[in-house]
Amino acid sequence: MLHRYEKMKQKNLQLEGELQILKEQQGAIQEEALQWQKKCESLKLANSLLGSDQHKRDTKLKINALVREIDQCISQLSE
């Protein structure tokens, strides 16, 4: 019975180690997915700036958002 307990304890430690490794891998994969999403958005914006008719509306909205953000920064700096 004691031998079985020790064996289960070792197996538990092994599984906890594997779980930690898998959690780290999951975090890395999620970070990589986020980076790819950002790159995709950047490429969409670049394509729209190159004159793609499909993304002109998105480009105008993005530019307007950037202008509003710049205006907010200027107003904060002038206070």
N, C-alpha and C. Protein backbone atom coordinates (compact mmCIF):
# COMPACT_ATOMS: atom_id res chain seq x y z
N MET A 1 0.82 -1.18 0.00
CA MET A 1 0.00 0.00 0.00
C MET A 1 0.88 1.27 0.00
N LEU A 2 1.94 1.25 0.81
CA LEU A 2 2.85 2.38 0.86
C LEU A 2 3.57 2.56 -0.48
N HIS A 3 3.95 1.45 -1.07
CA HIS A 3 4.60 1.49 -2.39
C HIS A 3 3.64 2.10 -3.42
N ARG A 4 2.41 1.75 -3.36
CA ARG A 4 1.40 2.27 -4.29
C ARG A 4 1.22 3.78 -4.08
N TYR A 5 1.23 4.20 -2.83
CA TYR A 5 1.11 5.62 -2.51
C TYR A 5 2.29 6.42 -3.09
N GLU A 6 3.49 5.91 -2.92
CA GLU A 6 4.69 6.57 -3.45
C GLU A 6 4.63 6.64 -4.97
N LYS A 7 4.18 5.56 -5.57
CA LYS A 7 4.08 5.52 -7.02
C LYS A 7 3.07 6.57 -7.52
N MET A 8 1.95 6.68 -6.83
CA MET A 8 0.92 7.67 -7.21
C MET A 8 1.43 9.10 -6.97
N LYS A 9 2.21 9.28 -5.92
CA LYS A 9 2.78 10.58 -5.61
C LYS A 9 3.74 11.01 -6.72
N GLN A 10 4.57 10.08 -7.19
CA GLN A 10 5.50 10.37 -8.28
C GLN A 10 4.74 10.68 -9.57
N LYS A 11 3.71 9.92 -9.82
CA LYS A 11 2.89 10.14 -11.02
C LYS A 11 2.23 11.51 -10.96
N ASN A 12 1.77 11.90 -9.78
CA ASN A 12 1.16 13.21 -9.59
C ASN A 12 2.16 14.32 -9.88
N LEU A 13 3.38 14.18 -9.38
CA LEU A 13 4.42 15.17 -9.64
C LEU A 13 4.74 15.27 -11.13
N GLN A 14 4.79 14.12 -11.77
CA GLN A 14 5.04 14.08 -13.20
C GLN A 14 3.93 14.80 -13.96
N LEU A 15 2.68 14.55 -13.60
CA LEU A 15 1.55 15.17 -14.28
C LEU A 15 1.51 16.68 -14.02
N GLU A 16 1.88 17.09 -12.81
CA GLU A 16 1.94 18.52 -12.52
C GLU A 16 3.01 19.21 -13.37
N GLY A 17 4.12 18.54 -13.56
CA GLY A 17 5.18 19.08 -14.42
C GLY A 17 4.71 19.20 -15.85
N GLU A 18 4.04 18.17 -16.34
CA GLU A 18 3.50 18.21 -17.70
C GLU A 18 2.46 19.32 -17.85
N LEU A 19 1.63 19.48 -16.83
CA LEU A 19 0.62 20.53 -16.86
C LEU A 19 1.27 21.90 -16.94
N GLN A 20 2.31 22.12 -16.18
CA GLN A 20 3.02 23.40 -16.21
C GLN A 20 3.61 23.66 -17.59
N ILE A 21 4.20 22.64 -18.18
CA ILE A 21 4.76 22.78 -19.53
C ILE A 21 3.67 23.13 -20.53
N LEU A 22 2.54 22.45 -20.43
CA LEU A 22 1.44 22.71 -21.35
C LEU A 22 0.86 24.12 -21.17
N LYS A 23 0.81 24.59 -19.93
CA LYS A 23 0.34 25.95 -19.69
C LYS A 23 1.28 26.98 -20.31
N GLU A 24 2.58 26.73 -20.20
CA GLU A 24 3.55 27.64 -20.81
C GLU A 24 3.43 27.63 -22.32
N GLN A 25 3.24 26.44 -22.90
CA GLN A 25 3.07 26.34 -24.34
C GLN A 25 1.80 27.06 -24.79
N GLN A 26 0.74 26.89 -24.02
CA GLN A 26 -0.52 27.55 -24.36
C GLN A 26 -0.34 29.07 -24.34
N GLY A 27 0.34 29.58 -23.33
CA GLY A 27 0.59 31.02 -23.25
C GLY A 27 1.40 31.51 -24.44
N ALA A 28 2.40 30.74 -24.83
CA ALA A 28 3.22 31.13 -25.98
C ALA A 28 2.39 31.12 -27.26
N ILE A 29 1.54 30.13 -27.40
CA ILE A 29 0.70 30.03 -28.60
C ILE A 29 -0.30 31.18 -28.64
N GLN A 30 -0.87 31.53 -27.50
CA GLN A 30 -1.81 32.64 -27.46
C GLN A 30 -1.11 33.96 -27.80
N GLU A 31 0.09 34.13 -27.31
CA GLU A 31 0.86 35.33 -27.62
C GLU A 31 1.17 35.40 -29.11
N GLU A 32 1.55 34.27 -29.67
CA GLU A 32 1.84 34.22 -31.11
C GLU A 32 0.59 34.52 -31.93
N ALA A 33 -0.55 33.99 -31.51
CA ALA A 33 -1.81 34.25 -32.22
C ALA A 33 -2.15 35.74 -32.16
N LEU A 34 -1.91 36.37 -31.03
CA LEU A 34 -2.17 37.80 -30.89
C LEU A 34 -1.26 38.60 -31.81
N GLN A 35 -0.01 38.21 -31.89
CA GLN A 35 0.93 38.90 -32.78
C GLN A 35 0.50 38.76 -34.25
N TRP A 36 0.03 37.57 -34.63
CA TRP A 36 -0.43 37.35 -36.00
C TRP A 36 -1.68 38.19 -36.29
N GLN A 37 -2.57 38.31 -35.30
CA GLN A 37 -3.76 39.14 -35.49
C GLN A 37 -3.37 40.60 -35.71
N LYS A 38 -2.39 41.07 -34.94
CA LYS A 38 -1.93 42.45 -35.11
C LYS A 38 -1.30 42.65 -36.49
N LYS A 39 -0.51 41.66 -36.93
CA LYS A 39 0.10 41.75 -38.25
C LYS A 39 -0.96 41.76 -39.34
N CYS A 40 -1.98 40.96 -39.16
CA CYS A 40 -3.08 40.90 -40.13
C CYS A 40 -3.78 42.24 -40.22
N GLU A 41 -4.05 42.86 -39.07
CA GLU A 41 -4.69 44.17 -39.06
C GLU A 41 -3.80 45.20 -39.74
N SER A 42 -2.50 45.12 -39.49
CA SER A 42 -1.57 46.06 -40.11
C SER A 42 -1.56 45.88 -41.63
N LEU A 43 -1.59 44.64 -42.08
CA LEU A 43 -1.62 44.39 -43.52
C LEU A 43 -2.91 44.87 -44.15
N LYS A 44 -4.02 44.68 -43.44
CA LYS A 44 -5.30 45.18 -43.97
C LYS A 44 -5.25 46.70 -44.11
N LEU A 45 -4.70 47.36 -43.10
CA LEU A 45 -4.60 48.81 -43.15
C LEU A 45 -3.66 49.24 -44.28
N ALA A 46 -2.55 48.55 -44.44
CA ALA A 46 -1.61 48.88 -45.51
C ALA A 46 -2.27 48.70 -46.88
N ASN A 47 -3.01 47.62 -47.04
CA ASN A 47 -3.70 47.40 -48.30
C ASN A 47 -4.73 48.49 -48.57
N SER A 48 -5.41 48.90 -47.54
CA SER A 48 -6.42 49.94 -47.73
C SER A 48 -5.76 51.28 -48.07
N LEU A 49 -4.59 51.53 -47.49
CA LEU A 49 -3.88 52.77 -47.81
C LEU A 49 -3.30 52.76 -49.21
N LEU A 50 -3.10 51.59 -49.76
CA LEU A 50 -2.56 51.49 -51.11
C LEU A 50 -3.63 51.73 -52.17
N GLY A 51 -4.85 51.94 -51.74
CA GLY A 51 -5.89 52.30 -52.68
C GLY A 51 -6.87 51.19 -52.98
N SER A 52 -6.89 50.19 -52.21
CA SER A 52 -7.84 49.11 -52.41
C SER A 52 -9.26 49.65 -52.19
N ASP A 53 -10.12 49.51 -53.19
CA ASP A 53 -11.49 50.00 -53.07
C ASP A 53 -12.25 49.30 -51.95
N GLN A 54 -11.88 48.08 -51.70
CA GLN A 54 -12.58 47.26 -50.71
C GLN A 54 -12.45 47.83 -49.31
N HIS A 55 -11.35 48.46 -49.01
CA HIS A 55 -11.08 48.90 -47.64
C HIS A 55 -11.07 50.42 -47.46
N LYS A 56 -11.60 51.16 -48.43
CA LYS A 56 -11.56 52.62 -48.32
C LYS A 56 -12.33 53.12 -47.10
N ARG A 57 -13.49 52.53 -46.85
CA ARG A 57 -14.30 52.96 -45.70
C ARG A 57 -13.54 52.69 -44.40
N ASP A 58 -12.94 51.50 -44.30
CA ASP A 58 -12.17 51.17 -43.10
C ASP A 58 -11.00 52.14 -42.90
N THR A 59 -10.37 52.51 -44.01
CA THR A 59 -9.25 53.43 -43.94
C THR A 59 -9.69 54.80 -43.43
N LYS A 60 -10.81 55.28 -43.97
CA LYS A 60 -11.32 56.58 -43.53
C LYS A 60 -11.66 56.55 -42.04
N LEU A 61 -12.28 55.47 -41.59
CA LEU A 61 -12.63 55.35 -40.17
C LEU A 61 -11.38 55.31 -39.30
N LYS A 62 -10.37 54.59 -39.75
CA LYS A 62 -9.12 54.49 -38.98
C LYS A 62 -8.42 55.84 -38.91
N ILE A 63 -8.38 56.55 -40.03
CA ILE A 63 -7.75 57.86 -40.06
C ILE A 63 -8.50 58.82 -39.13
N ASN A 64 -9.82 58.79 -39.18
CA ASN A 64 -10.61 59.65 -38.30
C ASN A 64 -10.35 59.33 -36.84
N ALA A 65 -10.26 58.05 -36.52
CA ALA A 65 -9.97 57.65 -35.14
C ALA A 65 -8.60 58.15 -34.71
N LEU A 66 -7.62 58.05 -35.59
CA LEU A 66 -6.27 58.53 -35.28
C LEU A 66 -6.25 60.05 -35.09
N VAL A 67 -7.00 60.77 -35.92
CA VAL A 67 -7.06 62.22 -35.80
C VAL A 67 -7.70 62.61 -34.47
N ARG A 68 -8.77 61.92 -34.08
CA ARG A 68 -9.41 62.20 -32.79
C ARG A 68 -8.44 61.93 -31.64
N GLU A 69 -7.69 60.85 -31.75
CA GLU A 69 -6.72 60.51 -30.70
C GLU A 69 -5.63 61.58 -30.61
N ILE A 70 -5.17 62.05 -31.75
CA ILE A 70 -4.15 63.12 -31.77
C ILE A 70 -4.71 64.40 -31.17
N ASP A 71 -5.97 64.73 -31.52
CA ASP A 71 -6.61 65.91 -30.95
C ASP A 71 -6.71 65.82 -29.43
N GLN A 72 -7.04 64.65 -28.92
CA GLN A 72 -7.10 64.46 -27.47
C GLN A 72 -5.73 64.66 -26.83
N CYS A 73 -4.71 64.15 -27.46
CA CYS A 73 -3.35 64.32 -26.93
C CYS A 73 -2.95 65.78 -26.92
N ILE A 74 -3.29 66.50 -27.98
CA ILE A 74 -2.95 67.92 -28.06
C ILE A 74 -3.68 68.69 -26.97
N SER A 75 -4.95 68.39 -26.78
CA SER A 75 -5.71 69.10 -25.75
C SER A 75 -5.16 68.81 -24.36
N GLN A 76 -4.72 67.58 -24.13
CA GLN A 76 -4.13 67.24 -22.82
C GLN A 76 -2.81 67.96 -22.61
N LEU A 77 -2.04 68.10 -23.67
CA LEU A 77 -0.75 68.78 -23.56
C LEU A 77 -0.93 70.29 -23.34
N SER A 78 -2.00 70.86 -23.89
CA SER A 78 -2.20 72.30 -23.77
C SER A 78 -2.80 72.68 -22.42
N GLU A 79 -3.26 71.73 -21.63
CA GLU A 79 -3.83 72.04 -20.32
C GLU A 79 -2.78 72.35 -19.30
